[in-house]
Amino acid sequence: MARAIWSGSISFGLVNIPVKLFSAISHKEVHFHMLHDADGARINLKRFCSAENVEVPYEHIVKGYELSRGRYVTVTGEELEAADPKGARTVEIQDFVELAEIDPIYYDQTYYLAPDRGAGKAYALLLDAMRRTGKVGIARVVLRSKEALCCVRPMGGALALSTMNHADEVVGLDQLELPESPAPAPRELEMAERLVESLTTGFEPSRYHDTHREKILALIERKAAGEQVVAPPEEAPAKVVNLADALAASLAAARRHPAPAQEPSAAAPARAHRTAPRREAAHTAGHRKKRGGS
């Protein structure tokens, strides 16, 4: 059973709905430990006081904000929560917008919101209202002592909360040195469009695997079995080819290996509740409709 990482309430207007927050993502990473190469023993990192050069136990470590070099103001967790008690316990919906208006660049981490005890009716009311109107809520919440802009939206039979980047955190395209490119030749553009169409299929998340992680785990298994691993020879750099020739070859390869047909998937959140407005599934289905592009 999933364990709640936060509890509070959703507020919109004068309505407050007690909820619990759960992680929606479980990252599958290969974790390595630091070892001493001489004997294979674990390396331990210790917290030392720079003034006394002694190890400091965790219970004696506090947070400090540097006002000027070497001058700090210390704060406790209780003081941080007291500075914004409502924000620390409330997902405060400030506006409702169309999901398609939110560019994916703003999204960060996704969580599930579930009703707390006795809040099922009000929770279902908000969920159904958002489904029927096709709108999502833009809210603010304080998580881990940091305010987060977030999007609250229907996802299957529950509400999802996706934390978002603020506008001033998104690097503008004007910061990139984009070269001025000539307009593509009509024939090349037509072939590129055909290639895109030939590779187009339905989004099935289970089709995409972390192949790098799989290769690392296979490497670890081979080494654990006593096999000596030898690096493969480096591939020769690809020859520069004519763009039109590359497009033609890609189209030929796509015809030999067409994109897989879309299959119904009961596990895909975007396919749940097909009677709901289509915008409900837009984020999960890869944001096919975007404004301004990204």
C-alpha atoms as a PDB file:
ATOM      1  CA  MET A   1       0.000   0.000   0.000  1.00  0.00           C
ATOM      2  CA  ALA A   2       1.316   3.445  -0.932  1.00  0.00           C
ATOM      3  CA  ARG A   3       2.359   5.698   1.933  1.00  0.00           C
ATOM      4  CA  ALA A   4       1.258   9.339   2.059  1.00  0.00           C
ATOM      5  CA  ILE A   5       4.092  11.867   2.014  1.00  0.00           C
ATOM      6  CA  TRP A   6       1.934  14.902   2.870  1.00  0.00           C
ATOM      7  CA  SER A   7      -1.536  15.615   4.191  1.00  0.00           C
ATOM      8  CA  GLY A   8      -3.573  18.792   4.025  1.00  0.00           C
ATOM      9  CA  SER A   9      -6.478  20.055   1.956  1.00  0.00           C
ATOM     10  CA  ILE A  10      -7.445  21.317  -1.480  1.00  0.00           C
ATOM     11  CA  SER A  11      -9.191  24.665  -1.431  1.00  0.00           C
ATOM     12  CA  PHE A  12     -11.149  26.271  -4.259  1.00  0.00           C
ATOM     13  CA  GLY A  13     -13.443  29.137  -3.474  1.00  0.00           C
ATOM     14  CA  LEU A  14     -14.715  28.500   0.057  1.00  0.00           C
ATOM     15  CA  VAL A  15     -14.576  24.707  -0.341  1.00  0.00           C
ATOM     16  CA  ASN A  16     -11.898  22.737   1.531  1.00  0.00           C
ATOM     17  CA  ILE A  17     -11.300  19.049   0.807  1.00  0.00           C
ATOM     18  CA  PRO A  18      -8.981  17.061   3.121  1.00  0.00           C
ATOM     19  CA  VAL A  19      -6.507  15.081   1.011  1.00  0.00           C
ATOM     20  CA  LYS A  20      -3.317  13.065   1.177  1.00  0.00           C
ATOM     21  CA  LEU A  21      -0.447  13.280  -1.284  1.00  0.00           C
ATOM     22  CA  PHE A  22       1.260  10.195  -2.718  1.00  0.00           C
ATOM     23  CA  SER A  23       4.218   9.812  -5.059  1.00  0.00           C
ATOM     24  CA  ALA A  24       3.100   8.929  -8.573  1.00  0.00           C
ATOM     25  CA  ILE A  25       6.583   8.163  -9.856  1.00  0.00           C
ATOM     26  CA  SER A  26       8.994   5.454  -8.704  1.00  0.00           C
ATOM     27  CA  HIS A  27      12.310   6.096 -10.401  1.00  0.00           C
ATOM     28  CA  LYS A  28      14.165   2.943 -11.448  1.00  0.00           C
ATOM     29  CA  GLU A  29      17.794   3.895 -11.126  1.00  0.00           C
ATOM     30  CA  VAL A  30      20.955   1.851 -10.752  1.00  0.00           C
ATOM     31  CA  HIS A  31      22.461   2.965  -7.449  1.00  0.00           C
ATOM     32  CA  PHE A  32      26.195   2.662  -6.878  1.00  0.00           C
ATOM     33  CA  HIS A  33      27.992   2.988  -3.543  1.00  0.00           C
ATOM     34  CA  MET A  34      31.412   4.554  -3.106  1.00  0.00           C
ATOM     35  CA  LEU A  35      34.005   1.943  -2.120  1.00  0.00           C
ATOM     36  CA  HIS A  36      37.701   1.979  -1.236  1.00  0.00           C
ATOM     37  CA  ASP A  37      39.470   0.466  -4.254  1.00  0.00           C
ATOM     38  CA  ALA A  38      42.072  -1.222  -2.021  1.00  0.00           C
ATOM     39  CA  ASP A  39      39.724  -3.358   0.086  1.00  0.00           C
ATOM     40  CA  GLY A  40      36.181  -2.781  -1.233  1.00  0.00           C
ATOM     41  CA  ALA A  41      34.966  -1.219   2.034  1.00  0.00           C
ATOM     42  CA  ARG A  42      32.170   1.370   1.972  1.00  0.00           C
ATOM     43  CA  ILE A  43      33.139   5.039   2.095  1.00  0.00           C
ATOM     44  CA  ASN A  44      31.276   6.958   4.814  1.00  0.00           C
ATOM     45  CA  LEU A  45      30.659  10.673   4.500  1.00  0.00           C
ATOM     46  CA  LYS A  46      30.700  12.536   7.810  1.00  0.00           C
ATOM     47  CA  ARG A  47      29.475  16.009   8.747  1.00  0.00           C
ATOM     48  CA  PHE A  48      32.262  18.084  10.271  1.00  0.00           C
ATOM     49  CA  CYS A  49      32.124  21.485  11.920  1.00  0.00           C
ATOM     50  CA  SER A  50      34.499  23.771  10.012  1.00  0.00           C
ATOM     51  CA  ALA A  51      35.328  25.756  13.176  1.00  0.00           C
ATOM     52  CA  GLU A  52      35.919  22.921  15.669  1.00  0.00           C
ATOM     53  CA  ASN A  53      36.873  20.166  13.193  1.00  0.00           C
ATOM     54  CA  VAL A  54      34.644  17.675  14.989  1.00  0.00           C
ATOM     55  CA  GLU A  55      31.876  15.441  13.651  1.00  0.00           C
ATOM     56  CA  VAL A  56      28.392  16.865  14.266  1.00  0.00           C
ATOM     57  CA  PRO A  57      25.410  14.530  14.837  1.00  0.00           C
ATOM     58  CA  TYR A  58      22.363  15.179  12.673  1.00  0.00           C
ATOM     59  CA  GLU A  59      20.216  16.372  15.600  1.00  0.00           C
ATOM     60  CA  HIS A  60      22.606  19.298  16.123  1.00  0.00           C
ATOM     61  CA  ILE A  61      22.480  20.519  12.524  1.00  0.00           C
ATOM     62  CA  VAL A  62      20.244  23.516  11.753  1.00  0.00           C
ATOM     63  CA  LYS A  63      19.372  25.451   8.609  1.00  0.00           C
ATOM     64  CA  GLY A  64      20.993  28.822   8.069  1.00  0.00           C
ATOM     65  CA  TYR A  65      20.519  31.576   5.488  1.00  0.00           C
ATOM     66  CA  GLU A  66      23.677  33.527   4.628  1.00  0.00           C
ATOM     67  CA  LEU A  67      23.112  37.286   4.932  1.00  0.00           C
ATOM     68  CA  SER A  68      26.722  38.154   4.164  1.00  0.00           C
ATOM     69  CA  ARG A  69      29.977  36.223   4.127  1.00  0.00           C
ATOM     70  CA  GLY A  70      30.123  34.204   7.363  1.00  0.00           C
ATOM     71  CA  ARG A  71      26.939  35.779   8.801  1.00  0.00           C
ATOM     72  CA  TYR A  72      23.852  33.572   9.002  1.00  0.00           C
ATOM     73  CA  VAL A  73      20.303  33.604  10.298  1.00  0.00           C
ATOM     74  CA  THR A  74      19.226  30.169  11.543  1.00  0.00           C
ATOM     75  CA  VAL A  75      15.650  28.926  11.225  1.00  0.00           C
ATOM     76  CA  THR A  76      13.830  25.820  12.421  1.00  0.00           C
ATOM     77  CA  GLY A  77      11.281  23.719  10.580  1.00  0.00           C
ATOM     78  CA  GLU A  78       8.566  25.010  12.905  1.00  0.00           C
ATOM     79  CA  GLU A  79       9.493  28.620  12.121  1.00  0.00           C
ATOM     80  CA  LEU A  80       9.385  27.950   8.383  1.00  0.00           C
ATOM     81  CA  GLU A  81       5.921  26.422   8.648  1.00  0.00           C
ATOM     82  CA  ALA A  82       4.700  29.236  10.910  1.00  0.00           C
ATOM     83  CA  ALA A  83       5.757  31.808   8.293  1.00  0.00           C
ATOM     84  CA  ASP A  84       3.118  30.431   5.888  1.00  0.00           C
ATOM     85  CA  PRO A  85       0.842  28.029   7.802  1.00  0.00           C
ATOM     86  CA  LYS A  86      -1.863  27.987   5.128  1.00  0.00           C
ATOM     87  CA  GLY A  87       0.577  27.313   2.295  1.00  0.00           C
ATOM     88  CA  ALA A  88       2.173  24.463   4.234  1.00  0.00           C
ATOM     89  CA  ARG A  89      -1.124  22.588   4.556  1.00  0.00           C
ATOM     90  CA  THR A  90      -3.235  23.729   1.602  1.00  0.00           C
ATOM     91  CA  VAL A  91      -3.279  23.128  -2.137  1.00  0.00           C
ATOM     92  CA  GLU A  92      -4.859  26.480  -2.950  1.00  0.00           C
ATOM     93  CA  ILE A  93      -6.435  26.493  -6.425  1.00  0.00           C
ATOM     94  CA  GLN A  94      -6.269  30.047  -7.741  1.00  0.00           C
ATOM     95  CA  ASP A  95      -7.448  29.624 -11.342  1.00  0.00           C
ATOM     96  CA  PHE A  96      -8.900  27.047 -13.713  1.00  0.00           C
ATOM     97  CA  VAL A  97      -7.451  26.864 -17.231  1.00  0.00           C
ATOM     98  CA  GLU A  98      -7.417  24.665 -20.318  1.00  0.00           C
ATOM     99  CA  LEU A  99      -4.826  21.887 -20.022  1.00  0.00           C
ATOM    100  CA  ALA A 100      -3.704  22.484 -23.615  1.00  0.00           C
ATOM    101  CA  GLU A 101      -2.599  25.994 -22.595  1.00  0.00           C
ATOM    102  CA  ILE A 102       0.181  24.586 -20.384  1.00  0.00           C
ATOM    103  CA  ASP A 103       3.389  23.849 -22.249  1.00  0.00           C
ATOM    104  CA  PRO A 104       5.137  20.663 -20.983  1.00  0.00           C
ATOM    105  CA  ILE A 105       8.284  22.674 -20.204  1.00  0.00           C
ATOM    106  CA  TYR A 106       6.553  23.890 -17.051  1.00  0.00           C
ATOM    107  CA  TYR A 107       5.972  20.403 -15.579  1.00  0.00           C
ATOM    108  CA  ASP A 108       8.261  18.952 -12.931  1.00  0.00           C
ATOM    109  CA  GLN A 109       7.156  16.125 -10.575  1.00  0.00           C
ATOM    110  CA  THR A 110       3.777  14.363 -10.482  1.00  0.00           C
ATOM    111  CA  TYR A 111       1.877  13.109  -7.425  1.00  0.00           C
ATOM    112  CA  TYR A 112      -1.531  11.608  -6.695  1.00  0.00           C
ATOM    113  CA  LEU A 113      -4.082  13.304  -4.459  1.00  0.00           C
ATOM    114  CA  ALA A 114      -6.465  10.992  -2.594  1.00  0.00           C
ATOM    115  CA  PRO A 115      -9.356  12.003  -0.323  1.00  0.00           C
ATOM    116  CA  ASP A 116      -8.719  11.854   3.391  1.00  0.00           C
ATOM    117  CA  ARG A 117     -11.224  10.263   5.746  1.00  0.00           C
ATOM    118  CA  GLY A 118     -14.737  11.615   5.254  1.00  0.00           C
ATOM    119  CA  ALA A 119     -13.840  13.729   2.206  1.00  0.00           C
ATOM    120  CA  GLY A 120     -14.916  11.308  -0.524  1.00  0.00           C
ATOM    121  CA  LYS A 121     -18.052  13.187  -1.590  1.00  0.00           C
ATOM    122  CA  ALA A 122     -16.391  16.599  -1.919  1.00  0.00           C
ATOM    123  CA  TYR A 123     -13.374  15.020  -3.649  1.00  0.00           C
ATOM    124  CA  ALA A 124     -15.614  13.270  -6.206  1.00  0.00           C
ATOM    125  CA  LEU A 125     -17.489  16.536  -6.767  1.00  0.00           C
ATOM    126  CA  LEU A 126     -14.308  18.413  -7.698  1.00  0.00           C
ATOM    127  CA  LEU A 127     -13.072  15.509  -9.831  1.00  0.00           C
ATOM    128  CA  ASP A 128     -16.318  15.289 -11.820  1.00  0.00           C
ATOM    129  CA  ALA A 129     -16.626  19.074 -12.183  1.00  0.00           C
ATOM    130  CA  MET A 130     -13.139  19.255 -13.689  1.00  0.00           C
ATOM    131  CA  ARG A 131     -13.898  16.337 -16.002  1.00  0.00           C
ATOM    132  CA  ARG A 132     -17.150  17.863 -17.244  1.00  0.00           C
ATOM    133  CA  THR A 133     -15.673  21.317 -17.829  1.00  0.00           C
ATOM    134  CA  GLY A 134     -12.397  20.022 -19.239  1.00  0.00           C
ATOM    135  CA  LYS A 135     -10.481  22.402 -16.974  1.00  0.00           C
ATOM    136  CA  VAL A 136      -7.479  21.932 -14.684  1.00  0.00           C
ATOM    137  CA  GLY A 137      -6.624  23.895 -11.558  1.00  0.00           C
ATOM    138  CA  ILE A 138      -3.547  26.084 -11.157  1.00  0.00           C
ATOM    139  CA  ALA A 139      -2.594  26.089  -7.496  1.00  0.00           C
ATOM    140  CA  ARG A 140       0.158  26.788  -5.013  1.00  0.00           C
ATOM    141  CA  VAL A 141       1.401  24.538  -2.245  1.00  0.00           C
ATOM    142  CA  VAL A 142       4.432  24.402   0.033  1.00  0.00           C
ATOM    143  CA  LEU A 143       6.293  21.086  -0.166  1.00  0.00           C
ATOM    144  CA  ARG A 144       9.580  20.439   1.626  1.00  0.00           C
ATOM    145  CA  SER A 145       9.823  24.082   2.727  1.00  0.00           C
ATOM    146  CA  LYS A 146       9.530  25.356  -0.847  1.00  0.00           C
ATOM    147  CA  GLU A 147       6.498  26.869  -2.531  1.00  0.00           C
ATOM    148  CA  ALA A 148       5.520  25.078  -5.702  1.00  0.00           C
ATOM    149  CA  LEU A 149       3.265  26.182  -8.499  1.00  0.00           C
ATOM    150  CA  CYS A 150       1.189  23.160  -9.456  1.00  0.00           C
ATOM    151  CA  CYS A 151      -1.473  21.822 -11.775  1.00  0.00           C
ATOM    152  CA  VAL A 152      -4.336  19.761 -10.320  1.00  0.00           C
ATOM    153  CA  ARG A 153      -6.078  17.640 -12.938  1.00  0.00           C
ATOM    154  CA  PRO A 154      -8.221  14.533 -13.331  1.00  0.00           C
ATOM    155  CA  MET A 155      -6.261  11.373 -14.105  1.00  0.00           C
ATOM    156  CA  GLY A 156      -8.378   8.273 -14.410  1.00  0.00           C
ATOM    157  CA  GLY A 157     -10.385   7.950 -11.214  1.00  0.00           C
ATOM    158  CA  ALA A 158      -8.237  10.293  -9.152  1.00  0.00           C
ATOM    159  CA  LEU A 159      -6.731  13.753  -9.048  1.00  0.00           C
ATOM    160  CA  ALA A 160      -3.101  14.231 -10.003  1.00  0.00           C
ATOM    161  CA  LEU A 161      -0.924  17.103  -8.829  1.00  0.00           C
ATOM    162  CA  SER A 162       2.026  18.080 -11.005  1.00  0.00           C
ATOM    163  CA  THR A 163       4.472  20.590  -9.594  1.00  0.00           C
ATOM    164  CA  MET A 164       5.504  23.223 -12.110  1.00  0.00           C
ATOM    165  CA  ASN A 165       8.348  25.585 -12.817  1.00  0.00           C
ATOM    166  CA  HIS A 166       7.628  29.272 -12.354  1.00  0.00           C
ATOM    167  CA  ALA A 167       7.828  31.517 -15.401  1.00  0.00           C
ATOM    168  CA  ASP A 168      11.095  33.115 -14.225  1.00  0.00           C
ATOM    169  CA  GLU A 169      12.673  29.650 -13.908  1.00  0.00           C
ATOM    170  CA  VAL A 170      12.150  28.756 -17.561  1.00  0.00           C
ATOM    171  CA  VAL A 171      15.073  29.731 -19.782  1.00  0.00           C
ATOM    172  CA  GLY A 172      13.809  31.699 -22.768  1.00  0.00           C
ATOM    173  CA  LEU A 173      14.628  30.738 -26.335  1.00  0.00           C
ATOM    174  CA  ASP A 174      16.291  34.122 -26.726  1.00  0.00           C
ATOM    175  CA  GLN A 175      19.119  32.735 -24.568  1.00  0.00           C
ATOM    176  CA  LEU A 176      20.024  30.243 -27.306  1.00  0.00           C
ATOM    177  CA  GLU A 177      22.272  31.029 -30.228  1.00  0.00           C
ATOM    178  CA  LEU A 178      19.973  29.627 -32.883  1.00  0.00           C
ATOM    179  CA  PRO A 179      21.396  29.923 -36.395  1.00  0.00           C
ATOM    180  CA  GLU A 180      19.376  31.481 -39.163  1.00  0.00           C
ATOM    181  CA  SER A 181      18.444  28.605 -41.451  1.00  0.00           C
ATOM    182  CA  PRO A 182      17.173  28.868 -45.009  1.00  0.00           C
ATOM    183  CA  ALA A 183      13.669  27.653 -45.755  1.00  0.00           C
ATOM    184  CA  PRO A 184      13.661  23.899 -46.482  1.00  0.00           C
ATOM    185  CA  ALA A 185      13.278  22.730 -50.045  1.00  0.00           C
ATOM    186  CA  PRO A 186       9.664  21.727 -50.800  1.00  0.00           C
ATOM    187  CA  ARG A 187      10.693  18.168 -51.737  1.00  0.00           C
ATOM    188  CA  GLU A 188      12.665  17.704 -48.515  1.00  0.00           C
ATOM    189  CA  LEU A 189       9.820  19.120 -46.435  1.00  0.00           C
ATOM    190  CA  GLU A 190       7.313  16.819 -48.137  1.00  0.00           C
ATOM    191  CA  MET A 191       9.514  13.769 -47.457  1.00  0.00           C
ATOM    192  CA  ALA A 192      10.043  14.840 -43.835  1.00  0.00           C
ATOM    193  CA  GLU A 193       6.273  15.128 -43.344  1.00  0.00           C
ATOM    194  CA  ARG A 194       5.753  11.681 -44.887  1.00  0.00           C
ATOM    195  CA  LEU A 195       8.415  10.255 -42.579  1.00  0.00           C
ATOM    196  CA  VAL A 196       6.707  11.772 -39.531  1.00  0.00           C
ATOM    197  CA  GLU A 197       3.368  10.315 -40.644  1.00  0.00           C
ATOM    198  CA  SER A 198       4.866   6.879 -41.299  1.00  0.00           C
ATOM    199  CA  LEU A 199       6.359   6.802 -37.786  1.00  0.00           C
ATOM    200  CA  THR A 200       3.194   8.055 -36.090  1.00  0.00           C
ATOM    201  CA  THR A 201       1.395   5.685 -33.714  1.00  0.00           C
ATOM    202  CA  GLY A 202      -0.575   5.783 -30.483  1.00  0.00           C
ATOM    203  CA  PHE A 203       1.340   6.541 -27.296  1.00  0.00           C
ATOM    204  CA  GLU A 204       1.833   3.339 -25.292  1.00  0.00           C
ATOM    205  CA  PRO A 205       4.209   4.065 -22.366  1.00  0.00           C
ATOM    206  CA  SER A 206       4.971   0.366 -21.797  1.00  0.00           C
ATOM    207  CA  ARG A 207       6.615   0.176 -25.231  1.00  0.00           C
ATOM    208  CA  TYR A 208       9.480   2.404 -24.124  1.00  0.00           C
ATOM    209  CA  HIS A 209      12.152   0.899 -21.874  1.00  0.00           C
ATOM    210  CA  ASP A 210      15.160   2.352 -20.120  1.00  0.00           C
ATOM    211  CA  THR A 211      17.598   0.481 -22.344  1.00  0.00           C
ATOM    212  CA  HIS A 212      20.620   2.162 -20.736  1.00  0.00           C
ATOM    213  CA  ARG A 213      19.585   0.859 -17.296  1.00  0.00           C
ATOM    214  CA  GLU A 214      19.005  -2.623 -18.744  1.00  0.00           C
ATOM    215  CA  LYS A 215      22.501  -2.640 -20.267  1.00  0.00           C
ATOM    216  CA  ILE A 216      24.100  -1.479 -16.993  1.00  0.00           C
ATOM    217  CA  LEU A 217      22.297  -4.227 -15.029  1.00  0.00           C
ATOM    218  CA  ALA A 218      23.394  -6.799 -17.632  1.00  0.00           C
ATOM    219  CA  LEU A 219      26.975  -5.556 -17.251  1.00  0.00           C
ATOM    220  CA  ILE A 220      26.759  -5.936 -13.456  1.00  0.00           C
ATOM    221  CA  GLU A 221      25.384  -9.481 -13.793  1.00  0.00           C
ATOM    222  CA  ARG A 222      28.201 -10.469 -16.153  1.00  0.00           C
ATOM    223  CA  LYS A 223      30.849  -9.061 -13.817  1.00  0.00           C
ATOM    224  CA  ALA A 224      29.221 -10.741 -10.795  1.00  0.00           C
ATOM    225  CA  ALA A 225      29.444 -14.042 -12.697  1.00  0.00           C
ATOM    226  CA  GLY A 226      33.182 -13.521 -13.146  1.00  0.00           C
ATOM    227  CA  GLU A 227      33.098 -12.496 -16.780  1.00  0.00           C
ATOM    228  CA  GLN A 228      35.707 -10.024 -17.953  1.00  0.00           C
ATOM    229  CA  VAL A 229      34.044  -7.120 -19.710  1.00  0.00           C
ATOM    230  CA  VAL A 230      35.827  -5.642 -22.701  1.00  0.00           C
ATOM    231  CA  ALA A 231      34.736  -2.360 -24.223  1.00  0.00           C
ATOM    232  CA  PRO A 232      33.541  -2.759 -27.822  1.00  0.00           C
ATOM    233  CA  PRO A 233      35.507  -0.962 -30.541  1.00  0.00           C
ATOM    234  CA  GLU A 234      34.402   2.573 -31.251  1.00  0.00           C
ATOM    235  CA  GLU A 235      32.112   2.974 -34.212  1.00  0.00           C
ATOM    236  CA  ALA A 236      33.423   4.988 -37.112  1.00  0.00           C
ATOM    237  CA  PRO A 237      31.810   8.422 -37.360  1.00  0.00           C
ATOM    238  CA  ALA A 238      28.855   8.485 -39.708  1.00  0.00           C
ATOM    239  CA  LYS A 239      29.518   9.864 -43.149  1.00  0.00           C
ATOM    240  CA  VAL A 240      27.862  13.139 -44.044  1.00  0.00           C
ATOM    241  CA  VAL A 241      25.116  12.344 -46.537  1.00  0.00           C
ATOM    242  CA  ASN A 242      22.756  14.416 -48.596  1.00  0.00           C
ATOM    243  CA  LEU A 243      19.660  15.357 -46.564  1.00  0.00           C
ATOM    244  CA  ALA A 244      17.265  14.291 -49.312  1.00  0.00           C
ATOM    245  CA  ASP A 245      19.034  10.913 -49.619  1.00  0.00           C
ATOM    246  CA  ALA A 246      18.833  10.404 -45.838  1.00  0.00           C
ATOM    247  CA  LEU A 247      15.100  11.182 -45.865  1.00  0.00           C
ATOM    248  CA  ALA A 248      14.490   8.805 -48.764  1.00  0.00           C
ATOM    249  CA  ALA A 249      16.407   6.018 -47.012  1.00  0.00           C
ATOM    250  CA  SER A 250      14.495   6.663 -43.782  1.00  0.00           C
ATOM    251  CA  LEU A 251      11.167   6.438 -45.625  1.00  0.00           C
ATOM    252  CA  ALA A 252      12.216   3.152 -47.199  1.00  0.00           C
ATOM    253  CA  ALA A 253      13.202   1.767 -43.788  1.00  0.00           C
ATOM    254  CA  ALA A 254       9.902   2.938 -42.282  1.00  0.00           C
ATOM    255  CA  ARG A 255       7.981   1.092 -45.003  1.00  0.00           C
ATOM    256  CA  ARG A 256       9.895  -2.101 -44.204  1.00  0.00           C
ATOM    257  CA  HIS A 257       9.306  -1.688 -40.463  1.00  0.00           C
ATOM    258  CA  PRO A 258       6.020   0.191 -39.993  1.00  0.00           C
ATOM    259  CA  ALA A 259       5.100   1.711 -36.625  1.00  0.00           C
ATOM    260  CA  PRO A 260       3.260  -0.791 -34.386  1.00  0.00           C
ATOM    261  CA  ALA A 261      -0.509  -0.611 -34.402  1.00  0.00           C
ATOM    262  CA  GLN A 262      -2.064   0.978 -31.349  1.00  0.00           C
ATOM    263  CA  GLU A 263      -3.417  -1.565 -28.875  1.00  0.00           C
ATOM    264  CA  PRO A 264      -5.863  -0.876 -26.032  1.00  0.00           C
ATOM    265  CA  SER A 265      -4.103  -0.731 -22.684  1.00  0.00           C
ATOM    266  CA  ALA A 266      -6.059  -0.982 -19.455  1.00  0.00           C
ATOM    267  CA  ALA A 267      -3.006   0.232 -17.542  1.00  0.00           C
ATOM    268  CA  ALA A 268      -2.647   3.511 -19.411  1.00  0.00           C
ATOM    269  CA  PRO A 269      -4.207   6.317 -17.345  1.00  0.00           C
ATOM    270  CA  ALA A 270      -5.036   8.309 -20.468  1.00  0.00           C
ATOM    271  CA  ARG A 271      -7.454   5.612 -21.655  1.00  0.00           C
ATOM    272  CA  ALA A 272      -9.532   5.543 -18.487  1.00  0.00           C
ATOM    273  CA  HIS A 273     -12.975   7.175 -18.396  1.00  0.00           C
ATOM    274  CA  ARG A 274     -13.379   7.576 -22.145  1.00  0.00           C
ATOM    275  CA  THR A 275     -16.638   9.465 -21.637  1.00  0.00           C
ATOM    276  CA  ALA A 276     -14.772  12.287 -19.919  1.00  0.00           C
ATOM    277  CA  PRO A 277     -13.597  15.343 -21.886  1.00  0.00           C
ATOM    278  CA  ARG A 278     -10.605  14.575 -24.084  1.00  0.00           C
ATOM    279  CA  ARG A 279      -8.503  17.256 -22.410  1.00  0.00           C
ATOM    280  CA  GLU A 280      -8.346  15.119 -19.265  1.00  0.00           C
ATOM    281  CA  ALA A 281      -5.881  12.816 -20.965  1.00  0.00           C
ATOM    282  CA  ALA A 282      -3.863  15.435 -22.787  1.00  0.00           C
ATOM    283  CA  HIS A 283      -0.883  15.550 -20.399  1.00  0.00           C
ATOM    284  CA  THR A 284      -0.667  11.774 -20.036  1.00  0.00           C
ATOM    285  CA  ALA A 285      -0.989  11.262 -23.763  1.00  0.00           C
ATOM    286  CA  GLY A 286       2.028  13.398 -24.486  1.00  0.00           C
ATOM    287  CA  HIS A 287       0.452  16.830 -24.952  1.00  0.00           C
ATOM    288  CA  ARG A 288      -0.425  16.396 -28.580  1.00  0.00           C
ATOM    289  CA  LYS A 289      -2.052  19.844 -28.534  1.00  0.00           C
ATOM    290  CA  LYS A 290       0.385  22.573 -27.529  1.00  0.00           C
ATOM    291  CA  ARG A 291       0.486  26.279 -27.992  1.00  0.00           C
ATOM    292  CA  GLY A 292       3.589  27.928 -29.246  1.00  0.00           C
ATOM    293  CA  GLY A 293       5.473  24.615 -29.502  1.00  0.00           C
ATOM    294  CA  SER A 294       8.426  23.544 -27.403  1.00  0.00           C
END
